[in-house]
Protein backbone atom coordinates (compact mmCIF):
# COMPACT_ATOMS: atom_id res chain seq x y z
CA UNK A 1 23.12 5.97 -8.53
CA UNK A 2 24.36 3.19 -6.24
CA UNK A 3 22.09 1.53 -3.52
CA UNK A 4 22.06 3.12 -0.15
CA UNK A 5 23.35 0.99 2.36
CA UNK A 6 21.24 -0.91 5.02
CA UNK A 7 22.38 -2.13 8.06
CA UNK A 8 21.67 -5.67 9.02
CA UNK A 9 20.35 -6.26 5.59
CA UNK A 10 19.49 -9.58 5.04
CA UNK A 11 18.00 -11.81 2.32
CA UNK A 12 14.48 -13.93 2.80
CA UNK A 13 10.59 -13.90 2.83
CA UNK A 14 9.06 -11.57 5.19
CA UNK A 15 4.94 -12.10 5.61
CA UNK A 16 3.36 -8.64 6.51
CA UNK A 17 2.07 -8.66 9.90
CA UNK A 18 -1.31 -6.73 9.63
CA UNK A 19 -1.36 -5.83 13.05
CA UNK A 20 1.46 -4.04 13.20
CA UNK A 21 0.96 -2.41 9.56
CA UNK A 22 -1.09 0.78 8.44
CA UNK A 23 -2.57 1.42 5.19
CA UNK A 24 -4.38 4.64 4.69
CA UNK A 25 -5.47 7.02 1.88
CA UNK A 26 -6.45 10.49 1.53
CA UNK A 27 -8.89 12.28 -0.69
CA UNK A 28 -9.99 15.90 -1.09
CA UNK A 29 -13.99 16.31 -0.74
CA UNK A 30 -15.81 19.45 -1.70
CA UNK A 31 -12.84 20.74 -2.51
CA UNK A 32 -12.18 22.61 1.01
CA UNK A 33 -11.33 19.63 2.95
CA UNK A 34 -10.09 16.18 3.17
CA UNK A 35 -11.17 12.99 4.16
CA UNK A 36 -9.10 10.27 5.50
CA UNK A 37 -9.55 6.50 5.89
CA UNK A 38 -7.62 2.77 6.13
CA UNK A 39 -7.78 -0.65 5.25
CA UNK A 40 -7.54 -2.96 8.03
CA UNK A 41 -7.16 -6.32 6.52
CA UNK A 42 -3.28 -6.63 4.43
CA UNK A 43 -1.38 -9.64 3.59
CA UNK A 44 1.44 -10.47 1.44
CA UNK A 45 5.09 -11.06 1.36
CA UNK A 46 8.25 -8.97 0.61
CA UNK A 47 11.09 -11.04 -0.50
CA UNK A 48 14.73 -9.27 -0.30
CA UNK A 49 17.08 -10.62 -3.01
CA UNK A 50 21.02 -10.71 -2.66
CA UNK A 51 20.98 -6.84 -3.59
CA UNK A 52 18.12 -4.69 -2.87
CA UNK A 53 16.82 -4.34 -6.15
CA UNK A 54 16.27 -8.02 -6.66
CA UNK A 55 13.49 -7.42 -3.91
CA UNK A 56 9.87 -7.88 -4.49
CA UNK A 57 6.97 -6.93 -2.86
CA UNK A 58 3.02 -8.38 -3.44
CA UNK A 59 0.41 -7.00 -1.43
CA UNK A 60 -3.51 -7.84 -1.18
CA UNK A 61 -6.00 -5.60 0.69
CA UNK A 62 -9.61 -6.53 1.50
CA UNK A 63 -11.92 -3.70 0.13
CA UNK A 64 -14.23 -4.48 2.78
CA UNK A 65 -11.89 -3.35 5.18
CA UNK A 66 -12.13 -0.15 4.47
CA UNK A 67 -12.59 2.26 7.63
CA UNK A 68 -13.06 5.82 7.55
CA UNK A 69 -14.51 6.27 11.23
CA UNK A 70 -17.87 6.37 9.50
CA UNK A 71 -20.02 3.67 9.34
CA UNK A 72 -22.40 5.48 6.95
CA UNK A 73 -19.37 6.37 4.39
CA UNK A 74 -17.61 3.17 4.63
CA UNK A 75 -20.98 1.53 3.53
CA UNK A 76 -20.89 3.63 0.56
CA UNK A 77 -17.33 3.37 -0.51
CA UNK A 78 -17.73 -0.24 -0.40
CA UNK A 79 -21.01 0.10 -2.70
CA UNK A 80 -20.81 -0.58 -6.38
CA UNK A 81 -19.63 3.15 -7.70
CA UNK A 82 -16.80 3.19 -5.29
CA UNK A 83 -14.95 -0.01 -4.47
CA UNK A 84 -17.50 -2.56 -5.31
CA UNK A 85 -16.21 -4.59 -2.70
CA UNK A 86 -18.74 -7.18 -3.19
CA UNK A 87 -17.44 -7.89 -6.98
CA UNK A 88 -13.99 -6.64 -6.02
CA UNK A 89 -13.27 -8.63 -2.66
CA UNK A 90 -9.50 -7.20 -2.94
CA UNK A 91 -7.12 -4.71 -3.93
CA UNK A 92 -3.55 -5.88 -5.09
CA UNK A 93 0.13 -4.86 -5.64
CA UNK A 94 2.82 -6.48 -7.36
CA UNK A 95 5.88 -5.17 -7.70
CA UNK A 96 7.79 -4.77 -11.07
CA UNK A 97 11.31 -3.50 -10.19
CA UNK A 98 12.85 -1.43 -7.15
CA UNK A 99 15.40 0.87 -7.72
CA UNK A 100 17.70 3.43 -5.89
CA UNK A 101 16.27 6.88 -5.67
CA UNK A 102 18.56 9.51 -3.25
CA UNK A 103 18.64 8.46 0.26
CA UNK A 104 15.19 5.82 -0.30
CA UNK A 105 13.98 3.53 -2.91
CA UNK A 106 11.36 3.47 -5.73
CA UNK A 107 9.32 0.51 -5.81
CA UNK A 108 7.32 0.50 -9.41
CA UNK A 109 4.46 -2.04 -9.44
CA UNK A 110 1.15 -2.57 -10.53
CA UNK A 111 -1.73 -1.82 -8.64
CA UNK A 112 -5.44 -3.21 -9.42
CA UNK A 113 -8.53 -1.77 -8.12
CA UNK A 114 -11.90 -2.79 -9.05
CA UNK A 115 -10.47 -5.21 -11.98
CA UNK A 116 -8.61 -2.27 -13.26
CA UNK A 117 -4.57 -2.84 -13.39
CA UNK A 118 -2.28 0.49 -13.71
CA UNK A 119 1.40 0.80 -13.26
CA UNK A 120 2.37 2.95 -9.94
CA UNK A 121 5.55 4.13 -8.25
CA UNK A 122 5.85 3.92 -4.21
CA UNK A 123 8.21 6.42 -2.93
CA UNK A 124 9.48 3.96 -0.37
CA UNK A 125 11.73 4.51 2.86
CA UNK A 126 13.73 1.89 4.21
CA UNK A 127 12.77 1.76 8.56
CA UNK A 128 15.02 -1.05 9.25
CA UNK A 129 15.74 -4.90 10.16
CA UNK A 130 15.55 -5.62 13.79
CA UNK A 131 14.66 -8.52 16.46
CA UNK A 132 10.93 -8.86 16.91
CA UNK A 133 8.82 -9.46 19.88
CA UNK A 134 9.08 -13.35 19.79
CA UNK A 135 12.50 -14.74 20.65
CA UNK A 136 14.88 -15.30 17.49
CA UNK A 137 12.40 -13.47 15.49
CA UNK A 138 13.55 -10.60 12.84
CA UNK A 139 11.05 -7.84 11.42
CA UNK A 140 11.77 -5.14 8.44
CA UNK A 141 9.65 -1.69 8.20
CA UNK A 142 9.23 -0.06 5.00
CA UNK A 143 7.34 3.45 4.41
CA UNK A 144 5.75 3.86 1.05
CA UNK A 145 3.85 6.73 -0.24
CA UNK A 146 2.21 7.19 -3.59
CA UNK A 147 -0.49 9.67 -5.58
CA UNK A 148 -2.94 7.97 -8.21
CA UNK A 149 -6.27 9.23 -10.03
CA UNK A 150 -9.46 7.44 -8.93
CA UNK A 151 -10.46 7.88 -12.38
CA UNK A 152 -7.73 5.87 -13.84
CA UNK A 153 -9.32 2.81 -11.88
CA UNK A 154 -13.35 3.81 -12.58
CA UNK A 155 -13.77 4.53 -8.89
CA UNK A 156 -16.79 6.95 -8.20
CA UNK A 157 -16.78 7.43 -12.07
CA UNK A 158 -20.43 9.05 -11.56
CA UNK A 159 -19.77 11.69 -9.04
CA UNK A 160 -20.08 15.25 -10.42
CA UNK A 161 -16.72 16.78 -10.36
CA UNK A 162 -15.83 19.05 -7.28
CA UNK A 163 -17.72 16.77 -4.71
CA UNK A 164 -14.77 14.65 -4.59
CA UNK A 165 -10.76 14.88 -5.34
CA UNK A 166 -9.48 12.55 -8.30
CA UNK A 167 -5.88 12.53 -6.70
CA UNK A 168 -6.04 9.94 -4.09
CA UNK A 169 -2.97 10.06 -1.47
CA UNK A 170 -1.60 6.58 -0.25
CA UNK A 171 0.33 5.90 2.72
CA UNK A 172 1.80 2.36 4.06
CA UNK A 173 3.58 1.72 7.02
CA UNK A 174 4.73 -2.20 6.67
CA UNK A 175 5.97 -4.25 9.23
CA UNK A 176 6.89 -7.91 7.59
CA UNK A 177 8.53 -10.92 9.97
CA UNK A 178 11.07 -13.13 8.50
CA UNK A 179 9.80 -16.54 7.62
CA UNK A 180 11.84 -19.49 9.29
């Protein structure tokens, strides 16, 4: 399958702009509703290769930056039985491959949560390359989505079945700035 054409595609290294990026998640609660949250601190880079398939992504997310809009719940998520933010200060993703997937891309990689590393695939949509806000700057935009099982990463292993869903949907909207 041939890769989609990307207008304005250029090679380089791009630094993730945390201010203009969003890492969010959704998990089912009590089997009837969904709890949503986000992580406010993300860093990392995207390296665009000669071909999109030669590109790579690395990202680090501060576990203590979780925000669900409820301080008590955030404290619980940071605690030992969930993310254990005191011991595991970050979540990380490192790509292992990028491939065309119809009009979009699949980014294969390794996700580490609570010190447990598992393979994941992100369904990615290329948003574009354009001028940044600072004179002479260039930005890239990528949106991606994946689903993981919290049990695979030993998150909330002691929570009774039915209280918290095992499937977590993760959505990313990333803007990154081309290094000069």
